[in-house]
Each structure stands twice: as structure tokens, then as C-alpha cells.
Full PDB file with SEQRES, HELIX, SHEET, SSBOND, CRYST1, ORIGX, SCALE, CONECT and MASTER records, all heavy atoms in Angstrom:
SEQRES   1 A   29  GLN VAL ASP TYR HIS ASN GLY LEU SER LEU TYR ILE HIS          
SEQRES   2 A   29  THR GLU SER LEU SER MET ALA GLY ILE THR ASN PRO TYR          
SEQRES   3 A   29  LYS THR SER                                                  
HELIX    1 AA1 PRO A   25  THR A   28  1                                   4    
SHEET    1 AA1 3 VAL A   2  ASP A   3  0                                        
SHEET    2 AA1 3 SER A   9  HIS A  13 -1                                        
SHEET    3 AA1 3 SER A  18  THR A  23 -1                                        
CRYST1    1.000    1.000    1.000  90.00  90.00  90.00 P 1           1          
ORIGX1      1.000000  0.000000  0.000000        0.00000                         
ORIGX2      0.000000  1.000000  0.000000        0.00000                         
ORIGX3      0.000000  0.000000  1.000000        0.00000                         
SCALE1      1.000000  0.000000  0.000000        0.00000                         
SCALE2      0.000000  1.000000  0.000000        0.00000                         
SCALE3      0.000000  0.000000  1.000000        0.00000                         
ATOM      1  N   GLN A   1     -15.057 -17.646 -35.934  1.00  0.00           N  
ATOM      2  CA  GLN A   1     -15.983 -17.507 -34.813  1.00  0.00           C  
ATOM      3  C   GLN A   1     -15.938 -18.802 -34.018  1.00  0.00           C  
ATOM      4  O   GLN A   1     -16.359 -19.852 -34.497  1.00  0.00           O  
ATOM      5  CB  GLN A   1     -17.403 -17.242 -35.307  1.00  0.00           C  
ATOM      6  CG  GLN A   1     -18.428 -17.135 -34.186  1.00  0.00           C  
ATOM      7  CD  GLN A   1     -19.825 -16.860 -34.696  1.00  0.00           C  
ATOM      8  OE1 GLN A   1     -20.004 -16.142 -35.676  1.00  0.00           O  
ATOM      9  NE2 GLN A   1     -20.824 -17.431 -34.030  1.00  0.00           N  
ATOM     10  N   VAL A   2     -15.410 -18.725 -32.807  1.00  0.00           N  
ATOM     11  CA  VAL A   2     -15.281 -19.896 -31.938  1.00  0.00           C  
ATOM     12  C   VAL A   2     -16.351 -19.791 -30.855  1.00  0.00           C  
ATOM     13  O   VAL A   2     -16.300 -18.895 -30.008  1.00  0.00           O  
ATOM     14  CB  VAL A   2     -13.870 -19.976 -31.315  1.00  0.00           C  
ATOM     15  CG1 VAL A   2     -13.743 -21.231 -30.450  1.00  0.00           C  
ATOM     16  CG2 VAL A   2     -12.806 -19.969 -32.403  1.00  0.00           C  
ATOM     17  N   ASP A   3     -17.317 -20.686 -30.905  1.00  0.00           N  
ATOM     18  CA  ASP A   3     -18.442 -20.670 -29.970  1.00  0.00           C  
ATOM     19  C   ASP A   3     -18.243 -21.713 -28.877  1.00  0.00           C  
ATOM     20  O   ASP A   3     -17.796 -22.834 -29.151  1.00  0.00           O  
ATOM     21  CB  ASP A   3     -19.756 -20.953 -30.697  1.00  0.00           C  
ATOM     22  CG  ASP A   3     -20.082 -19.919 -31.760  1.00  0.00           C  
ATOM     23  OD1 ASP A   3     -19.852 -18.720 -31.493  1.00  0.00           O  
ATOM     24  OD2 ASP A   3     -20.543 -20.298 -32.853  1.00  0.00           O  
ATOM     25  N   TYR A   4     -18.610 -21.314 -27.642  1.00  0.00           N  
ATOM     26  CA  TYR A   4     -18.525 -22.225 -26.499  1.00  0.00           C  
ATOM     27  C   TYR A   4     -19.939 -22.596 -26.028  1.00  0.00           C  
ATOM     28  O   TYR A   4     -20.909 -21.892 -26.308  1.00  0.00           O  
ATOM     29  CB  TYR A   4     -17.739 -21.574 -25.361  1.00  0.00           C  
ATOM     30  CG  TYR A   4     -16.269 -21.398 -25.668  1.00  0.00           C  
ATOM     31  CD1 TYR A   4     -15.809 -20.233 -26.272  1.00  0.00           C  
ATOM     32  CD2 TYR A   4     -15.350 -22.392 -25.373  1.00  0.00           C  
ATOM     33  CE1 TYR A   4     -14.461 -20.060 -26.567  1.00  0.00           C  
ATOM     34  CE2 TYR A   4     -13.999 -22.234 -25.664  1.00  0.00           C  
ATOM     35  CZ  TYR A   4     -13.570 -21.074 -26.259  1.00  0.00           C  
ATOM     36  OH  TYR A   4     -12.238 -20.911 -26.566  1.00  0.00           O  
ATOM     37  N   HIS A   5     -20.027 -23.692 -25.301  1.00  0.00           N  
ATOM     38  CA  HIS A   5     -21.319 -24.182 -24.826  1.00  0.00           C  
ATOM     39  C   HIS A   5     -22.018 -23.182 -23.899  1.00  0.00           C  
ATOM     40  O   HIS A   5     -23.244 -23.190 -23.790  1.00  0.00           O  
ATOM     41  CB  HIS A   5     -21.148 -25.524 -24.106  1.00  0.00           C  
ATOM     42  CG  HIS A   5     -20.781 -26.654 -25.034  1.00  0.00           C  
ATOM     43  ND1 HIS A   5     -21.630 -27.123 -26.003  1.00  0.00           N  
ATOM     44  CD2 HIS A   5     -19.654 -27.409 -25.118  1.00  0.00           C  
ATOM     45  CE1 HIS A   5     -21.055 -28.121 -26.662  1.00  0.00           C  
ATOM     46  NE2 HIS A   5     -19.849 -28.312 -26.150  1.00  0.00           N  
ATOM     47  N   ASN A   6     -21.245 -22.326 -23.228  1.00  0.00           N  
ATOM     48  CA  ASN A   6     -21.855 -21.365 -22.290  1.00  0.00           C  
ATOM     49  C   ASN A   6     -22.365 -20.098 -22.982  1.00  0.00           C  
ATOM     50  O   ASN A   6     -22.783 -19.147 -22.319  1.00  0.00           O  
ATOM     51  CB  ASN A   6     -20.859 -20.993 -21.190  1.00  0.00           C  
ATOM     52  CG  ASN A   6     -19.619 -20.293 -21.741  1.00  0.00           C  
ATOM     53  OD1 ASN A   6     -19.489 -20.064 -22.940  1.00  0.00           O  
ATOM     54  ND2 ASN A   6     -18.693 -19.955 -20.853  1.00  0.00           N  
ATOM     55  N   GLY A   7     -22.327 -20.059 -24.318  1.00  0.00           N  
ATOM     56  CA  GLY A   7     -22.833 -18.909 -25.063  1.00  0.00           C  
ATOM     57  C   GLY A   7     -21.774 -17.898 -25.451  1.00  0.00           C  
ATOM     58  O   GLY A   7     -22.055 -16.959 -26.214  1.00  0.00           O  
ATOM     59  N   LEU A   8     -20.555 -18.052 -24.933  1.00  0.00           N  
ATOM     60  CA  LEU A   8     -19.465 -17.130 -25.267  1.00  0.00           C  
ATOM     61  C   LEU A   8     -18.997 -17.385 -26.696  1.00  0.00           C  
ATOM     62  O   LEU A   8     -18.898 -18.531 -27.135  1.00  0.00           O  
ATOM     63  CB  LEU A   8     -18.314 -17.326 -24.287  1.00  0.00           C  
ATOM     64  CG  LEU A   8     -17.175 -16.306 -24.336  1.00  0.00           C  
ATOM     65  CD1 LEU A   8     -17.661 -14.941 -23.877  1.00  0.00           C  
ATOM     66  CD2 LEU A   8     -16.004 -16.781 -23.481  1.00  0.00           C  
ATOM     67  N   SER A   9     -18.691 -16.302 -27.417  1.00  0.00           N  
ATOM     68  CA  SER A   9     -18.146 -16.399 -28.769  1.00  0.00           C  
ATOM     69  C   SER A   9     -16.940 -15.482 -28.897  1.00  0.00           C  
ATOM     70  O   SER A   9     -17.001 -14.316 -28.492  1.00  0.00           O  
ATOM     71  CB  SER A   9     -19.192 -16.002 -29.823  1.00  0.00           C  
ATOM     72  OG  SER A   9     -20.293 -16.887 -29.820  1.00  0.00           O  
ATOM     73  N   LEU A  10     -15.851 -16.008 -29.445  1.00  0.00           N  
ATOM     74  CA  LEU A  10     -14.662 -15.208 -29.720  1.00  0.00           C  
ATOM     75  C   LEU A  10     -14.416 -15.189 -31.222  1.00  0.00           C  
ATOM     76  O   LEU A  10     -14.689 -16.176 -31.919  1.00  0.00           O  
ATOM     77  CB  LEU A  10     -13.430 -15.768 -29.007  1.00  0.00           C  
ATOM     78  CG  LEU A  10     -13.201 -15.279 -27.573  1.00  0.00           C  
ATOM     79  CD1 LEU A  10     -14.166 -15.968 -26.617  1.00  0.00           C  
ATOM     80  CD2 LEU A  10     -11.758 -15.524 -27.137  1.00  0.00           C  
ATOM     81  N   TYR A  11     -13.872 -14.062 -31.694  1.00  0.00           N  
ATOM     82  CA  TYR A  11     -13.544 -13.904 -33.109  1.00  0.00           C  
ATOM     83  C   TYR A  11     -12.024 -13.779 -33.211  1.00  0.00           C  
ATOM     84  O   TYR A  11     -11.443 -12.827 -32.686  1.00  0.00           O  
ATOM     85  CB  TYR A  11     -14.270 -12.696 -33.691  1.00  0.00           C  
ATOM     86  CG  TYR A  11     -15.772 -12.862 -33.607  1.00  0.00           C  
ATOM     87  CD1 TYR A  11     -16.475 -12.435 -32.477  1.00  0.00           C  
ATOM     88  CD2 TYR A  11     -16.470 -13.504 -34.619  1.00  0.00           C  
ATOM     89  CE1 TYR A  11     -17.851 -12.628 -32.377  1.00  0.00           C  
ATOM     90  CE2 TYR A  11     -17.837 -13.705 -34.522  1.00  0.00           C  
ATOM     91  CZ  TYR A  11     -18.509 -13.264 -33.409  1.00  0.00           C  
ATOM     92  OH  TYR A  11     -19.870 -13.471 -33.302  1.00  0.00           O  
ATOM     93  N   ILE A  12     -11.422 -14.750 -33.863  1.00  0.00           N  
ATOM     94  CA  ILE A  12      -9.966 -14.877 -33.872  1.00  0.00           C  
ATOM     95  C   ILE A  12      -9.414 -14.603 -35.265  1.00  0.00           C  
ATOM     96  O   ILE A  12      -9.855 -15.202 -36.254  1.00  0.00           O  
ATOM     97  CB  ILE A  12      -9.540 -16.296 -33.425  1.00  0.00           C  
ATOM     98  CG1 ILE A  12     -10.051 -16.582 -32.004  1.00  0.00           C  
ATOM     99  CG2 ILE A  12      -8.029 -16.430 -33.496  1.00  0.00           C  
ATOM    100  CD1 ILE A  12      -9.498 -15.666 -30.936  1.00  0.00           C  
ATOM    101  N   HIS A  13      -8.448 -13.683 -35.325  1.00  0.00           N  
ATOM    102  CA  HIS A  13      -7.737 -13.383 -36.570  1.00  0.00           C  
ATOM    103  C   HIS A  13      -6.377 -14.072 -36.481  1.00  0.00           C  
ATOM    104  O   HIS A  13      -5.485 -13.629 -35.751  1.00  0.00           O  
ATOM    105  CB  HIS A  13      -7.563 -11.866 -36.719  1.00  0.00           C  
ATOM    106  CG  HIS A  13      -7.020 -11.443 -38.030  1.00  0.00           C  
ATOM    107  ND1 HIS A  13      -5.795 -10.843 -38.175  1.00  0.00           N  
ATOM    108  CD2 HIS A  13      -7.533 -11.556 -39.284  1.00  0.00           C  
ATOM    109  CE1 HIS A  13      -5.571 -10.579 -39.442  1.00  0.00           C  
ATOM    110  NE2 HIS A  13      -6.612 -10.991 -40.139  1.00  0.00           N  
ATOM    111  N   THR A  14      -6.233 -15.169 -37.189  1.00  0.00           N  
ATOM    112  CA  THR A  14      -5.057 -16.026 -36.987  1.00  0.00           C  
ATOM    113  C   THR A  14      -3.769 -15.403 -37.512  1.00  0.00           C  
ATOM    114  O   THR A  14      -2.699 -15.669 -36.964  1.00  0.00           O  
ATOM    115  CB  THR A  14      -5.276 -17.393 -37.649  1.00  0.00           C  
ATOM    116  OG1 THR A  14      -5.678 -17.203 -39.026  1.00  0.00           O  
ATOM    117  CG2 THR A  14      -6.339 -18.200 -36.929  1.00  0.00           C  
ATOM    118  N   GLU A  15      -3.840 -14.584 -38.556  1.00  0.00           N  
ATOM    119  CA  GLU A  15      -2.599 -14.001 -39.089  1.00  0.00           C  
ATOM    120  C   GLU A  15      -1.901 -13.156 -38.042  1.00  0.00           C  
ATOM    121  O   GLU A  15      -0.694 -13.225 -37.856  1.00  0.00           O  
ATOM    122  CB  GLU A  15      -2.906 -13.180 -40.344  1.00  0.00           C  
ATOM    123  CG  GLU A  15      -1.677 -12.519 -40.959  1.00  0.00           C  
ATOM    124  CD  GLU A  15      -1.394 -11.138 -40.380  1.00  0.00           C  
ATOM    125  OE1 GLU A  15      -2.298 -10.289 -40.369  1.00  0.00           O  
ATOM    126  OE2 GLU A  15      -0.255 -10.925 -39.919  1.00  0.00           O  
ATOM    127  N   SER A  16      -2.667 -12.333 -37.322  1.00  0.00           N  
ATOM    128  CA  SER A  16      -2.081 -11.463 -36.299  1.00  0.00           C  
ATOM    129  C   SER A  16      -2.110 -12.100 -34.912  1.00  0.00           C  
ATOM    130  O   SER A  16      -1.694 -11.462 -33.943  1.00  0.00           O  
ATOM    131  CB  SER A  16      -2.820 -10.122 -36.267  1.00  0.00           C  
ATOM    132  OG  SER A  16      -4.202 -10.308 -36.010  1.00  0.00           O  
ATOM    133  N   LEU A  17      -2.623 -13.327 -34.807  1.00  0.00           N  
ATOM    134  CA  LEU A  17      -2.750 -14.043 -33.533  1.00  0.00           C  
ATOM    135  C   LEU A  17      -3.581 -13.251 -32.530  1.00  0.00           C  
ATOM    136  O   LEU A  17      -3.384 -13.363 -31.318  1.00  0.00           O  
ATOM    137  CB  LEU A  17      -1.371 -14.340 -32.923  1.00  0.00           C  
ATOM    138  CG  LEU A  17      -0.359 -15.092 -33.781  1.00  0.00           C  
ATOM    139  CD1 LEU A  17       0.923 -15.325 -32.990  1.00  0.00           C  
ATOM    140  CD2 LEU A  17      -0.919 -16.413 -34.277  1.00  0.00           C  
ATOM    141  N   SER A  18      -4.523 -12.457 -33.021  1.00  0.00           N  
ATOM    142  CA  SER A  18      -5.263 -11.547 -32.153  1.00  0.00           C  
ATOM    143  C   SER A  18      -6.715 -11.968 -31.985  1.00  0.00           C  
ATOM    144  O   SER A  18      -7.285 -12.677 -32.819  1.00  0.00           O  
ATOM    145  CB  SER A  18      -5.202 -10.120 -32.706  1.00  0.00           C  
ATOM    146  OG  SER A  18      -5.850 -10.041 -33.955  1.00  0.00           O  
ATOM    147  N   MET A  19      -7.296 -11.514 -30.872  1.00  0.00           N  
ATOM    148  CA  MET A  19      -8.723 -11.639 -30.652  1.00  0.00           C  
ATOM    149  C   MET A  19      -9.383 -10.396 -31.229  1.00  0.00           C  
ATOM    150  O   MET A  19      -9.224  -9.290 -30.719  1.00  0.00           O  
ATOM    151  CB  MET A  19      -9.041 -11.769 -29.163  1.00  0.00           C  
ATOM    152  CG  MET A  19     -10.514 -11.994 -28.872  1.00  0.00           C  
ATOM    153  SD  MET A  19     -10.930 -11.897 -27.108  1.00  0.00           S  
ATOM    154  CE  MET A  19     -10.786 -10.122 -26.830  1.00  0.00           C  
ATOM    155  N   ALA A  20     -10.151 -10.556 -32.302  1.00  0.00           N  
ATOM    156  CA  ALA A  20     -10.779  -9.422 -32.967  1.00  0.00           C  
ATOM    157  C   ALA A  20     -12.062  -8.989 -32.277  1.00  0.00           C  
ATOM    158  O   ALA A  20     -12.520  -7.866 -32.460  1.00  0.00           O  
ATOM    159  CB  ALA A  20     -11.073  -9.767 -34.423  1.00  0.00           C  
ATOM    160  N   GLY A  21     -12.653  -9.877 -31.462  1.00  0.00           N  
ATOM    161  CA  GLY A  21     -13.884  -9.527 -30.765  1.00  0.00           C  
ATOM    162  C   GLY A  21     -14.302 -10.630 -29.816  1.00  0.00           C  
ATOM    163  O   GLY A  21     -13.866 -11.777 -29.941  1.00  0.00           O  
ATOM    164  N   ILE A  22     -15.131 -10.264 -28.851  1.00  0.00           N  
ATOM    165  CA  ILE A  22     -15.675 -11.233 -27.893  1.00  0.00           C  
ATOM    166  C   ILE A  22     -17.111 -10.815 -27.584  1.00  0.00           C  
ATOM    167  O   ILE A  22     -17.390  -9.633 -27.402  1.00  0.00           O  
ATOM    168  CB  ILE A  22     -14.818 -11.300 -26.606  1.00  0.00           C  
ATOM    169  CG1 ILE A  22     -15.388 -12.333 -25.627  1.00  0.00           C  
ATOM    170  CG2 ILE A  22     -14.689  -9.937 -25.955  1.00  0.00           C  
ATOM    171  CD1 ILE A  22     -14.470 -12.611 -24.438  1.00  0.00           C  
ATOM    172  N   THR A  23     -18.015 -11.782 -27.562  1.00  0.00           N  
ATOM    173  CA  THR A  23     -19.417 -11.448 -27.340  1.00  0.00           C  
ATOM    174  C   THR A  23     -20.156 -12.635 -26.745  1.00  0.00           C  
ATOM    175  O   THR A  23     -19.611 -13.735 -26.607  1.00  0.00           O  
ATOM    176  CB  THR A  23     -20.079 -11.009 -28.665  1.00  0.00           C  
ATOM    177  OG1 THR A  23     -21.362 -10.453 -28.393  1.00  0.00           O  
ATOM    178  CG2 THR A  23     -20.235 -12.185 -29.625  1.00  0.00           C  
ATOM    179  N   ASN A  24     -21.389 -12.379 -26.365  1.00  0.00           N  
ATOM    180  CA  ASN A  24     -22.333 -13.414 -25.950  1.00  0.00           C  
ATOM    181  C   ASN A  24     -23.723 -12.934 -26.376  1.00  0.00           C  
ATOM    182  O   ASN A  24     -23.855 -11.817 -26.906  1.00  0.00           O  
ATOM    183  CB  ASN A  24     -22.235 -13.685 -24.440  1.00  0.00           C  
ATOM    184  CG  ASN A  24     -22.488 -12.447 -23.598  1.00  0.00           C  
ATOM    185  OD1 ASN A  24     -22.969 -11.427 -24.085  1.00  0.00           O  
ATOM    186  ND2 ASN A  24     -22.172 -12.518 -22.316  1.00  0.00           N  
ATOM    187  N   PRO A  25     -24.773 -13.733 -26.215  1.00  0.00           N  
ATOM    188  CA  PRO A  25     -26.095 -13.293 -26.691  1.00  0.00           C  
ATOM    189  C   PRO A  25     -26.543 -11.956 -26.111  1.00  0.00           C  
ATOM    190  O   PRO A  25     -27.172 -11.150 -26.811  1.00  0.00           O  
ATOM    191  CB  PRO A  25     -27.010 -14.439 -26.238  1.00  0.00           C  
ATOM    192  CG  PRO A  25     -26.125 -15.645 -26.235  1.00  0.00           C  
ATOM    193  CD  PRO A  25     -24.791 -15.142 -25.772  1.00  0.00           C  
ATOM    194  N   TYR A  26     -26.225 -11.695 -24.844  1.00  0.00           N  
ATOM    195  CA  TYR A  26     -26.596 -10.428 -24.215  1.00  0.00           C  
ATOM    196  C   TYR A  26     -25.934  -9.243 -24.927  1.00  0.00           C  
ATOM    197  O   TYR A  26     -26.599  -8.273 -25.311  1.00  0.00           O  
ATOM    198  CB  TYR A  26     -26.193 -10.465 -22.740  1.00  0.00           C  
ATOM    199  CG  TYR A  26     -26.053  -9.117 -22.080  1.00  0.00           C  
ATOM    200  CD1 TYR A  26     -27.179  -8.395 -21.685  1.00  0.00           C  
ATOM    201  CD2 TYR A  26     -24.791  -8.562 -21.848  1.00  0.00           C  
ATOM    202  CE1 TYR A  26     -27.047  -7.149 -21.083  1.00  0.00           C  
ATOM    203  CE2 TYR A  26     -24.652  -7.328 -21.253  1.00  0.00           C  
ATOM    204  CZ  TYR A  26     -25.783  -6.627 -20.873  1.00  0.00           C  
ATOM    205  OH  TYR A  26     -25.653  -5.397 -20.280  1.00  0.00           O  
ATOM    206  N   LYS A  27     -24.620  -9.323 -25.135  1.00  0.00           N  
ATOM    207  CA  LYS A  27     -23.907  -8.220 -25.779  1.00  0.00           C  
ATOM    208  C   LYS A  27     -24.343  -8.061 -27.231  1.00  0.00           C  
ATOM    209  O   LYS A  27     -24.490  -6.931 -27.725  1.00  0.00           O  
ATOM    210  CB  LYS A  27     -22.394  -8.467 -25.701  1.00  0.00           C  
ATOM    211  CG  LYS A  27     -21.565  -7.347 -26.332  1.00  0.00           C  
ATOM    212  CD  LYS A  27     -20.077  -7.630 -26.228  1.00  0.00           C  
ATOM    213  CE  LYS A  27     -19.271  -6.539 -26.926  1.00  0.00           C  
ATOM    214  NZ  LYS A  27     -17.812  -6.806 -26.866  1.00  0.00           N  
ATOM    215  N   THR A  28     -24.569  -9.180 -27.922  1.00  0.00           N  
ATOM    216  CA  THR A  28     -24.999  -9.113 -29.314  1.00  0.00           C  
ATOM    217  C   THR A  28     -26.344  -8.407 -29.433  1.00  0.00           C  
ATOM    218  O   THR A  28     -26.569  -7.629 -30.360  1.00  0.00           O  
ATOM    219  CB  THR A  28     -25.085 -10.524 -29.915  1.00  0.00           C  
ATOM    220  OG1 THR A  28     -23.790 -11.145 -29.855  1.00  0.00           O  
ATOM    221  CG2 THR A  28     -25.530 -10.476 -31.366  1.00  0.00           C  
ATOM    222  N   SER A  29     -27.254  -8.657 -28.485  1.00  0.00           N  
ATOM    223  CA  SER A  29     -28.579  -8.026 -28.520  1.00  0.00           C  
ATOM    224  C   SER A  29     -28.468  -6.515 -28.321  1.00  0.00           C  
ATOM    225  O   SER A  29     -29.098  -5.737 -29.051  1.00  0.00           O  
ATOM    226  CB  SER A  29     -29.481  -8.627 -27.440  1.00  0.00           C  
ATOM    227  OG  SER A  29     -29.665 -10.006 -27.651  1.00  0.00           O  
TER     228      SER A  29                                                      
MASTER        0    0    0    1    3    0    0    6  227    1    0    3          
END                                                                             
């Protein structure tokens, strides 16, 4: 889970080099 100062969060699966998900507080709610 890579979090940025602007509230964006990305979920990275390194084996497949893929983005498994992307969210922010609004989407999470």
C-alpha cells in the first residue's frame, strides 16, 4: 500500500508488476 500526501493510495503487486487497486478516502468510504 503506497500512500501519497494528497490522500491517494495505490496497491502494488510486485511479482506481476501490476497495480492491484487504487483508492482515496472518498472511494474507500
